[in-house]
Structures are given as C-alpha cells and as structure tokens.
C-alpha cells in the first residue's frame, strides 16, 4: 500500500529478476475476475534495463518470439488481452 505502481514494478523486477529497469509509460490497464477475486493488470513499457535477467525465485525464465506466445499456457487474465500485449511488441 502507498507504493506507486511503476515503482512497484521497478522493485519487483529487481527482486525477481535481478535487473535495474527504467519504467516508461503505462500502455493500458484492465481487470479480470477469477470467481470472487478480481485483479488489476497494468501494462507498462520498460524503456531499458541494466543487468542480465536471471531466475532468482523461479525454476527458469525463457525468451519467446512474439509469434510463439499464443501457443503458451497463460493465465486467463493474460490470454484475454494477448492481442493487445503482442501488438505492443511488434
């Protein structure tokens, strides 16, 4: 509570991936409901980062080409906005 979303993203990228990132513009926001639980999703541009992303708290991280993303198993919240996400990546 009380943390700006862009600052939270900056902090999380450092904690989860070990990178220092400059966060850019908010491209869009949306909501999704999993039954009684609602989530707010904010999609920011990351202008650049310093450091090599590494899986500090996960078993692995991988890069995918934009055209490979649709074949991945994604949470419904992300799948519902996948076209908007991938249009930002092209």
PDB file of N, CA and C in Angstrom:
ATOM      1  N   UNK A   1       0.836  -1.185   0.000  1.00  0.00           N
ATOM      2  CA  UNK A   1       0.000   0.000   0.000  1.00  0.00           C
ATOM      3  C   UNK A   1       0.877   1.243   0.000  1.00  0.00           C
ATOM      4  N   UNK A   2       0.431   2.244  -0.728  1.00  0.00           N
ATOM      5  CA  UNK A   2       1.141   3.505  -0.768  1.00  0.00           C
ATOM      6  C   UNK A   2       2.284   3.558  -1.763  1.00  0.00           C
ATOM      7  N   UNK A   3       2.547   2.458  -2.462  1.00  0.00           N
ATOM      8  CA  UNK A   3       3.629   2.434  -3.446  1.00  0.00           C
ATOM      9  C   UNK A   3       3.056   2.693  -4.838  1.00  0.00           C
ATOM     10  N   UNK A   4       3.670   3.597  -5.575  1.00  0.00           N
ATOM     11  CA  UNK A   4       3.239   3.863  -6.944  1.00  0.00           C
ATOM     12  C   UNK A   4       3.425   2.592  -7.778  1.00  0.00           C
ATOM     13  N   UNK A   5       2.468   2.254  -8.649  1.00  0.00           N
ATOM     14  CA  UNK A   5       2.590   1.024  -9.442  1.00  0.00           C
ATOM     15  C   UNK A   5       3.877   0.938 -10.258  1.00  0.00           C
ATOM     16  N   UNK A   6       4.321   2.027 -10.855  1.00  0.00           N
ATOM     17  CA  UNK A   6       5.559   1.975 -11.645  1.00  0.00           C
ATOM     18  C   UNK A   6       6.769   1.693 -10.749  1.00  0.00           C
ATOM     19  N   UNK A   7       6.767   2.224  -9.538  1.00  0.00           N
ATOM     20  CA  UNK A   7       7.850   1.954  -8.587  1.00  0.00           C
ATOM     21  C   UNK A   7       7.787   0.508  -8.093  1.00  0.00           C
ATOM     22  N   UNK A   8       6.566  -0.006  -7.927  1.00  0.00           N
ATOM     23  CA  UNK A   8       6.410  -1.409  -7.531  1.00  0.00           C
ATOM     24  C   UNK A   8       6.965  -2.326  -8.616  1.00  0.00           C
ATOM     25  N   UNK A   9       6.698  -2.006  -9.884  1.00  0.00           N
ATOM     26  CA  UNK A   9       7.238  -2.797 -10.989  1.00  0.00           C
ATOM     27  C   UNK A   9       8.760  -2.743 -10.992  1.00  0.00           C
ATOM     28  N   UNK A  10       9.302  -1.565 -10.832  1.00  0.00           N
ATOM     29  CA  UNK A  10      10.759  -1.403 -10.783  1.00  0.00           C
ATOM     30  C   UNK A  10      11.362  -2.266  -9.670  1.00  0.00           C
ATOM     31  N   UNK A  11      10.746  -2.218  -8.485  1.00  0.00           N
ATOM     32  CA  UNK A  11      11.223  -3.002  -7.340  1.00  0.00           C
ATOM     33  C   UNK A  11      11.094  -4.496  -7.614  1.00  0.00           C
ATOM     34  N   UNK A  12       9.938  -4.925  -8.148  1.00  0.00           N
ATOM     35  CA  UNK A  12       9.710  -6.342  -8.419  1.00  0.00           C
ATOM     36  C   UNK A  12      10.676  -6.892  -9.463  1.00  0.00           C
ATOM     37  N   UNK A  13      10.967  -6.113 -10.497  1.00  0.00           N
ATOM     38  CA  UNK A  13      11.931  -6.569 -11.498  1.00  0.00           C
ATOM     39  C   UNK A  13      13.307  -6.770 -10.883  1.00  0.00           C
ATOM     40  N   UNK A  14      13.651  -5.909  -9.938  1.00  0.00           N
ATOM     41  CA  UNK A  14      14.930  -6.071  -9.247  1.00  0.00           C
ATOM     42  C   UNK A  14      14.901  -7.299  -8.339  1.00  0.00           C
ATOM     43  N   UNK A  15      13.835  -7.451  -7.565  1.00  0.00           N
ATOM     44  CA  UNK A  15      13.737  -8.578  -6.630  1.00  0.00           C
ATOM     45  C   UNK A  15      13.608  -9.925  -7.345  1.00  0.00           C
ATOM     46  N   UNK A  16      12.823  -9.971  -8.415  1.00  0.00           N
ATOM     47  CA  UNK A  16      12.529 -11.240  -9.087  1.00  0.00           C
ATOM     48  C   UNK A  16      13.547 -11.622 -10.158  1.00  0.00           C
ATOM     49  N   UNK A  17      14.100 -10.629 -10.868  1.00  0.00           N
ATOM     50  CA  UNK A  17      14.995 -10.915 -11.990  1.00  0.00           C
ATOM     51  C   UNK A  17      16.410 -10.367 -11.813  1.00  0.00           C
ATOM     52  N   UNK A  18      16.618  -9.554 -10.774  1.00  0.00           N
ATOM     53  CA  UNK A  18      17.945  -9.013 -10.516  1.00  0.00           C
ATOM     54  C   UNK A  18      18.382  -7.927 -11.487  1.00  0.00           C
ATOM     55  N   UNK A  19      17.425  -7.226 -12.093  1.00  0.00           N
ATOM     56  CA  UNK A  19      17.771  -6.168 -13.040  1.00  0.00           C
ATOM     57  C   UNK A  19      17.321  -4.814 -12.501  1.00  0.00           C
ATOM     58  N   UNK A  20      17.993  -3.774 -12.967  1.00  0.00           N
ATOM     59  CA  UNK A  20      17.587  -2.404 -12.674  1.00  0.00           C
ATOM     60  C   UNK A  20      16.915  -1.877 -13.937  1.00  0.00           C
ATOM     61  N   UNK A  21      15.654  -1.512 -13.839  1.00  0.00           N
ATOM     62  CA  UNK A  21      14.884  -1.116 -15.016  1.00  0.00           C
ATOM     63  C   UNK A  21      14.386   0.313 -14.899  1.00  0.00           C
ATOM     64  N   UNK A  22      14.321   0.961 -16.058  1.00  0.00           N
ATOM     65  CA  UNK A  22      13.647   2.260 -16.128  1.00  0.00           C
ATOM     66  C   UNK A  22      12.262   2.011 -16.706  1.00  0.00           C
ATOM     67  N   UNK A  23      11.253   2.360 -15.940  1.00  0.00           N
ATOM     68  CA  UNK A  23       9.873   2.120 -16.336  1.00  0.00           C
ATOM     69  C   UNK A  23       9.354   3.322 -17.106  1.00  0.00           C
ATOM     70  N   UNK A  24       8.730   3.028 -18.241  1.00  0.00           N
ATOM     71  CA  UNK A  24       8.183   4.073 -19.092  1.00  0.00           C
ATOM     72  C   UNK A  24       6.687   4.232 -18.905  1.00  0.00           C
ATOM     73  N   UNK A  25       6.031   4.500 -20.007  1.00  0.00           N
ATOM     74  CA  UNK A  25       4.600   4.821 -19.995  1.00  0.00           C
ATOM     75  C   UNK A  25       3.729   3.610 -19.676  1.00  0.00           C
ATOM     76  N   UNK A  26       2.601   3.903 -19.045  1.00  0.00           N
ATOM     77  CA  UNK A  26       1.551   2.898 -18.864  1.00  0.00           C
ATOM     78  C   UNK A  26       0.819   2.793 -20.202  1.00  0.00           C
ATOM     79  N   UNK A  27       0.836   1.616 -20.810  1.00  0.00           N
ATOM     80  CA  UNK A  27       0.193   1.441 -22.114  1.00  0.00           C
ATOM     81  C   UNK A  27      -1.288   1.145 -21.997  1.00  0.00           C
ATOM     82  N   UNK A  28      -1.674   0.300 -21.035  1.00  0.00           N
ATOM     83  CA  UNK A  28      -3.086   0.096 -20.778  1.00  0.00           C
ATOM     84  C   UNK A  28      -3.274  -0.624 -19.455  1.00  0.00           C
ATOM     85  N   UNK A  29      -4.481  -0.553 -18.961  1.00  0.00           N
ATOM     86  CA  UNK A  29      -4.863  -1.225 -17.716  1.00  0.00           C
ATOM     87  C   UNK A  29      -6.154  -1.988 -17.983  1.00  0.00           C
ATOM     88  N   UNK A  30      -6.319  -3.096 -17.286  1.00  0.00           N
ATOM     89  CA  UNK A  30      -7.535  -3.889 -17.427  1.00  0.00           C
ATOM     90  C   UNK A  30      -7.773  -4.647 -16.125  1.00  0.00           C
ATOM     91  N   UNK A  31      -8.935  -5.210 -16.005  1.00  0.00           N
ATOM     92  CA  UNK A  31      -9.263  -6.025 -14.841  1.00  0.00           C
ATOM     93  C   UNK A  31      -9.664  -7.415 -15.310  1.00  0.00           C
ATOM     94  N   UNK A  32      -9.601  -8.361 -14.395  1.00  0.00           N
ATOM     95  CA  UNK A  32     -10.031  -9.733 -14.667  1.00  0.00           C
ATOM     96  C   UNK A  32     -10.540 -10.308 -13.354  1.00  0.00           C
ATOM     97  N   UNK A  33     -11.529 -11.189 -13.453  1.00  0.00           N
ATOM     98  CA  UNK A  33     -12.076 -11.838 -12.264  1.00  0.00           C
ATOM     99  C   UNK A  33     -11.853 -13.333 -12.336  1.00  0.00           C
ATOM    100  N   UNK A  34     -11.338 -13.877 -11.251  1.00  0.00           N
ATOM    101  CA  UNK A  34     -11.235 -15.319 -11.049  1.00  0.00           C
ATOM    102  C   UNK A  34     -12.245 -15.645  -9.956  1.00  0.00           C
ATOM    103  N   UNK A  35     -13.480 -15.880 -10.359  1.00  0.00           N
ATOM    104  CA  UNK A  35     -14.538 -16.094  -9.381  1.00  0.00           C
ATOM    105  C   UNK A  35     -14.796 -14.824  -8.599  1.00  0.00           C
ATOM    106  N   UNK A  36     -14.647 -14.884  -7.301  1.00  0.00           N
ATOM    107  CA  UNK A  36     -14.890 -13.734  -6.424  1.00  0.00           C
ATOM    108  C   UNK A  36     -13.685 -12.796  -6.316  1.00  0.00           C
ATOM    109  N   UNK A  37     -12.551 -13.213  -6.849  1.00  0.00           N
ATOM    110  CA  UNK A  37     -11.319 -12.435  -6.725  1.00  0.00           C
ATOM    111  C   UNK A  37     -11.083 -11.653  -8.013  1.00  0.00           C
ATOM    112  N   UNK A  38     -10.868 -10.359  -7.867  1.00  0.00           N
ATOM    113  CA  UNK A  38     -10.565  -9.518  -9.020  1.00  0.00           C
ATOM    114  C   UNK A  38      -9.121  -9.076  -8.988  1.00  0.00           C
ATOM    115  N   UNK A  39      -8.537  -8.946 -10.172  1.00  0.00           N
ATOM    116  CA  UNK A  39      -7.162  -8.460 -10.280  1.00  0.00           C
ATOM    117  C   UNK A  39      -7.127  -7.269 -11.229  1.00  0.00           C
ATOM    118  N   UNK A  40      -6.231  -6.360 -10.957  1.00  0.00           N
ATOM    119  CA  UNK A  40      -5.978  -5.218 -11.821  1.00  0.00           C
ATOM    120  C   UNK A  40      -4.638  -5.459 -12.490  1.00  0.00           C
ATOM    121  N   UNK A  41      -4.612  -5.407 -13.823  1.00  0.00           N
ATOM    122  CA  UNK A  41      -3.391  -5.617 -14.581  1.00  0.00           C
ATOM    123  C   UNK A  41      -2.985  -4.307 -15.237  1.00  0.00           C
ATOM    124  N   UNK A  42      -1.744  -3.900 -15.008  1.00  0.00           N
ATOM    125  CA  UNK A  42      -1.198  -2.678 -15.581  1.00  0.00           C
ATOM    126  C   UNK A  42      -0.036  -3.060 -16.489  1.00  0.00           C
ATOM    127  N   UNK A  43      -0.062  -2.580 -17.726  1.00  0.00           N
ATOM    128  CA  UNK A  43       0.963  -2.925 -18.709  1.00  0.00           C
ATOM    129  C   UNK A  43       1.807  -1.691 -19.018  1.00  0.00           C
ATOM    130  N   UNK A  44       3.027  -1.701 -18.487  1.00  0.00           N
ATOM    131  CA  UNK A  44       3.967  -0.598 -18.642  1.00  0.00           C
ATOM    132  C   UNK A  44       5.041  -0.944 -19.673  1.00  0.00           C
ATOM    133  N   UNK A  45       5.585   0.081 -20.279  1.00  0.00           N
ATOM    134  CA  UNK A  45       6.774  -0.074 -21.107  1.00  0.00           C
ATOM    135  C   UNK A  45       7.986  -0.093 -20.181  1.00  0.00           C
ATOM    136  N   UNK A  46       8.915  -0.992 -20.442  1.00  0.00           N
ATOM    137  CA  UNK A  46      10.217  -0.959 -19.780  1.00  0.00           C
ATOM    138  C   UNK A  46      11.179  -0.376 -20.805  1.00  0.00           C
ATOM    139  N   UNK A  47      11.642   0.850 -20.555  1.00  0.00           N
ATOM    140  CA  UNK A  47      12.475   1.567 -21.529  1.00  0.00           C
ATOM    141  C   UNK A  47      13.804   0.852 -21.750  1.00  0.00           C
ATOM    142  N   UNK A  48      14.450   0.466 -20.680  1.00  0.00           N
ATOM    143  CA  UNK A  48      15.682  -0.314 -20.768  1.00  0.00           C
ATOM    144  C   UNK A  48      15.937  -0.926 -19.406  1.00  0.00           C
ATOM    145  N   UNK A  49      16.854  -1.880 -19.374  1.00  0.00           N
ATOM    146  CA  UNK A  49      17.273  -2.430 -18.093  1.00  0.00           C
ATOM    147  C   UNK A  49      18.767  -2.660 -18.105  1.00  0.00           C
ATOM    148  N   UNK A  50      19.305  -2.710 -16.896  1.00  0.00           N
ATOM    149  CA  UNK A  50      20.728  -2.959 -16.702  1.00  0.00           C
ATOM    150  C   UNK A  50      20.858  -4.267 -15.940  1.00  0.00           C
ATOM    151  N   UNK A  51      21.731  -5.125 -16.423  1.00  0.00           N
ATOM    152  CA  UNK A  51      21.935  -6.424 -15.805  1.00  0.00           C
ATOM    153  C   UNK A  51      21.366  -7.530 -16.674  1.00  0.00           C
ATOM    154  N   UNK A  52      21.713  -8.745 -16.320  1.00  0.00           N
ATOM    155  CA  UNK A  52      21.234  -9.922 -17.040  1.00  0.00           C
ATOM    156  C   UNK A  52      20.072 -10.528 -16.265  1.00  0.00           C
ATOM    157  N   UNK A  53      18.865 -10.585 -16.855  1.00  0.00           N
ATOM    158  CA  UNK A  53      17.745 -11.203 -16.138  1.00  0.00           C
ATOM    159  C   UNK A  53      18.079 -12.645 -15.746  1.00  0.00           C
ATOM    160  N   UNK A  54      17.827 -12.979 -14.507  1.00  0.00           N
ATOM    161  CA  UNK A  54      18.064 -14.346 -14.045  1.00  0.00           C
ATOM    162  C   UNK A  54      16.921 -14.764 -13.138  1.00  0.00           C
ATOM    163  N   UNK A  55      16.724 -16.066 -13.049  1.00  0.00           N
ATOM    164  CA  UNK A  55      15.585 -16.609 -12.296  1.00  0.00           C
ATOM    165  C   UNK A  55      15.941 -16.734 -10.818  1.00  0.00           C
ATOM    166  N   UNK A  56      15.794 -15.628 -10.091  1.00  0.00           N
ATOM    167  CA  UNK A  56      16.152 -15.597  -8.679  1.00  0.00           C
ATOM    168  C   UNK A  56      15.164 -16.375  -7.811  1.00  0.00           C
ATOM    169  N   UNK A  57      13.890 -16.413  -8.203  1.00  0.00           N
ATOM    170  CA  UNK A  57      12.863 -17.063  -7.385  1.00  0.00           C
ATOM    171  C   UNK A  57      12.025 -18.056  -8.180  1.00  0.00           C
ATOM    172  N   UNK A  58      12.455 -18.388  -9.384  1.00  0.00           N
ATOM    173  CA  UNK A  58      11.688 -19.279 -10.250  1.00  0.00           C
ATOM    174  C   UNK A  58      12.614 -20.364 -10.780  1.00  0.00           C
ATOM    175  N   UNK A  59      12.035 -21.455 -11.263  1.00  0.00           N
ATOM    176  CA  UNK A  59      12.865 -22.547 -11.755  1.00  0.00           C
ATOM    177  C   UNK A  59      13.566 -22.189 -13.061  1.00  0.00           C
ATOM    178  N   UNK A  60      12.939 -21.347 -13.876  1.00  0.00           N
ATOM    179  CA  UNK A  60      13.575 -20.927 -15.115  1.00  0.00           C
ATOM    180  C   UNK A  60      12.859 -19.707 -15.685  1.00  0.00           C
ATOM    181  N   UNK A  61      13.551 -18.990 -16.551  1.00  0.00           N
ATOM    182  CA  UNK A  61      12.957 -17.940 -17.372  1.00  0.00           C
ATOM    183  C   UNK A  61      13.423 -18.195 -18.797  1.00  0.00           C
ATOM    184  N   UNK A  62      12.575 -17.834 -19.754  1.00  0.00           N
ATOM    185  CA  UNK A  62      12.930 -18.036 -21.160  1.00  0.00           C
ATOM    186  C   UNK A  62      12.385 -16.896 -21.994  1.00  0.00           C
ATOM    187  N   UNK A  63      13.024 -16.624 -23.116  1.00  0.00           N
ATOM    188  CA  UNK A  63      12.573 -15.649 -24.086  1.00  0.00           C
ATOM    189  C   UNK A  63      11.781 -16.376 -25.164  1.00  0.00           C
ATOM    190  N   UNK A  64      10.744 -15.723 -25.674  1.00  0.00           N
ATOM    191  CA  UNK A  64       9.935 -16.276 -26.755  1.00  0.00           C
ATOM    192  C   UNK A  64       9.754 -15.216 -27.826  1.00  0.00           C
ATOM    193  N   UNK A  65       9.696 -15.654 -29.080  1.00  0.00           N
ATOM    194  CA  UNK A  65       9.339 -14.755 -30.169  1.00  0.00           C
ATOM    195  C   UNK A  65       7.854 -14.426 -30.039  1.00  0.00           C
ATOM    196  N   UNK A  66       7.470 -13.258 -30.513  1.00  0.00           N
ATOM    197  CA  UNK A  66       6.077 -12.812 -30.398  1.00  0.00           C
ATOM    198  C   UNK A  66       5.120 -13.847 -30.986  1.00  0.00           C
ATOM    199  N   UNK A  67       5.472 -14.435 -32.124  1.00  0.00           N
ATOM    200  CA  UNK A  67       4.569 -15.396 -32.763  1.00  0.00           C
ATOM    201  C   UNK A  67       4.482 -16.723 -32.018  1.00  0.00           C
ATOM    202  N   UNK A  68       5.326 -16.964 -31.031  1.00  0.00           N
ATOM    203  CA  UNK A  68       5.280 -18.191 -30.231  1.00  0.00           C
ATOM    204  C   UNK A  68       4.398 -18.046 -28.989  1.00  0.00           C
ATOM    205  N   UNK A  69       4.062 -16.829 -28.621  1.00  0.00           N
ATOM    206  CA  UNK A  69       3.380 -16.582 -27.347  1.00  0.00           C
ATOM    207  C   UNK A  69       1.992 -17.213 -27.304  1.00  0.00           C
ATOM    208  N   UNK A  70       1.252 -17.188 -28.406  1.00  0.00           N
ATOM    209  CA  UNK A  70      -0.113 -17.728 -28.407  1.00  0.00           C
ATOM    210  C   UNK A  70      -0.170 -19.210 -28.076  1.00  0.00           C
ATOM    211  N   UNK A  71       0.911 -19.948 -28.318  1.00  0.00           N
ATOM    212  CA  UNK A  71       0.944 -21.385 -28.041  1.00  0.00           C
ATOM    213  C   UNK A  71       1.246 -21.700 -26.573  1.00  0.00           C
ATOM    214  N   UNK A  72       1.612 -20.700 -25.791  1.00  0.00           N
ATOM    215  CA  UNK A  72       1.962 -20.919 -24.385  1.00  0.00           C
ATOM    216  C   UNK A  72       0.715 -21.054 -23.517  1.00  0.00           C
ATOM    217  N   UNK A  73       0.863 -21.755 -22.401  1.00  0.00           N
ATOM    218  CA  UNK A  73      -0.207 -21.809 -21.416  1.00  0.00           C
ATOM    219  C   UNK A  73      -0.088 -20.557 -20.553  1.00  0.00           C
ATOM    220  N   UNK A  74      -1.093 -19.711 -20.628  1.00  0.00           N
ATOM    221  CA  UNK A  74      -1.090 -18.439 -19.910  1.00  0.00           C
ATOM    222  C   UNK A  74      -2.313 -18.349 -19.008  1.00  0.00           C
ATOM    223  N   UNK A  75      -2.211 -17.574 -17.930  1.00  0.00           N
ATOM    224  CA  UNK A  75      -3.400 -17.324 -17.115  1.00  0.00           C
ATOM    225  C   UNK A  75      -4.486 -16.651 -17.960  1.00  0.00           C
ATOM    226  N   UNK A  76      -5.740 -16.905 -17.640  1.00  0.00           N
ATOM    227  CA  UNK A  76      -6.853 -16.315 -18.380  1.00  0.00           C
ATOM    228  C   UNK A  76      -6.755 -14.800 -18.452  1.00  0.00           C
ATOM    229  N   UNK A  77      -6.312 -14.174 -17.375  1.00  0.00           N
ATOM    230  CA  UNK A  77      -6.213 -12.713 -17.353  1.00  0.00           C
ATOM    231  C   UNK A  77      -5.298 -12.207 -18.460  1.00  0.00           C
ATOM    232  N   UNK A  78      -4.193 -12.910 -18.703  1.00  0.00           N
ATOM    233  CA  UNK A  78      -3.265 -12.522 -19.762  1.00  0.00           C
ATOM    234  C   UNK A  78      -3.774 -12.949 -21.135  1.00  0.00           C
ATOM    235  N   UNK A  79      -4.333 -14.131 -21.222  1.00  0.00           N
ATOM    236  CA  UNK A  79      -4.831 -14.631 -22.507  1.00  0.00           C
ATOM    237  C   UNK A  79      -5.904 -13.690 -23.061  1.00  0.00           C
ATOM    238  N   UNK A  80      -6.748 -13.138 -22.198  1.00  0.00           N
ATOM    239  CA  UNK A  80      -7.831 -12.262 -22.644  1.00  0.00           C
ATOM    240  C   UNK A  80      -7.337 -10.968 -23.291  1.00  0.00           C
ATOM    241  N   UNK A  81      -6.126 -10.545 -22.980  1.00  0.00           N
ATOM    242  CA  UNK A  81      -5.574  -9.313 -23.561  1.00  0.00           C
ATOM    243  C   UNK A  81      -4.332  -9.592 -24.405  1.00  0.00           C
ATOM    244  N   UNK A  82      -4.145 -10.840 -24.796  1.00  0.00           N
ATOM    245  CA  UNK A  82      -2.943 -11.230 -25.514  1.00  0.00           C
ATOM    246  C   UNK A  82      -2.753 -10.452 -26.815  1.00  0.00           C
ATOM    247  N   UNK A  83      -3.837 -10.223 -27.556  1.00  0.00           N
ATOM    248  CA  UNK A  83      -3.711  -9.457 -28.804  1.00  0.00           C
ATOM    249  C   UNK A  83      -3.220  -8.035 -28.526  1.00  0.00           C
ATOM    250  N   UNK A  84      -3.702  -7.424 -27.452  1.00  0.00           N
ATOM    251  CA  UNK A  84      -3.241  -6.066 -27.101  1.00  0.00           C
ATOM    252  C   UNK A  84      -1.774  -6.089 -26.692  1.00  0.00           C
ATOM    253  N   UNK A  85      -1.390  -7.113 -25.938  1.00  0.00           N
ATOM    254  CA  UNK A  85       0.003  -7.221 -25.493  1.00  0.00           C
ATOM    255  C   UNK A  85       0.919  -7.392 -26.695  1.00  0.00           C
ATOM    256  N   UNK A  86       0.610  -8.348 -27.565  1.00  0.00           N
ATOM    257  CA  UNK A  86       1.507  -8.628 -28.684  1.00  0.00           C
ATOM    258  C   UNK A  86       1.551  -7.459 -29.679  1.00  0.00           C
ATOM    259  N   UNK A  87       0.470  -6.704 -29.804  1.00  0.00           N
ATOM    260  CA  UNK A  87       0.514  -5.549 -30.706  1.00  0.00           C
ATOM    261  C   UNK A  87       1.514  -4.504 -30.207  1.00  0.00           C
ATOM    262  N   UNK A  88       1.739  -4.441 -28.915  1.00  0.00           N
ATOM    263  CA  UNK A  88       2.719  -3.505 -28.353  1.00  0.00           C
ATOM    264  C   UNK A  88       4.146  -3.968 -28.599  1.00  0.00           C
ATOM    265  N   UNK A  89       4.321  -5.256 -28.839  1.00  0.00           N
ATOM    266  CA  UNK A  89       5.660  -5.822 -29.007  1.00  0.00           C
ATOM    267  C   UNK A  89       6.159  -5.783 -30.435  1.00  0.00           C
ATOM    268  N   UNK A  90       5.302  -5.483 -31.365  1.00  0.00           N
ATOM    269  CA  UNK A  90       5.697  -5.503 -32.781  1.00  0.00           C
ATOM    270  C   UNK A  90       6.214  -4.158 -33.232  1.00  0.00           C
TER     271      UNK A  90
END
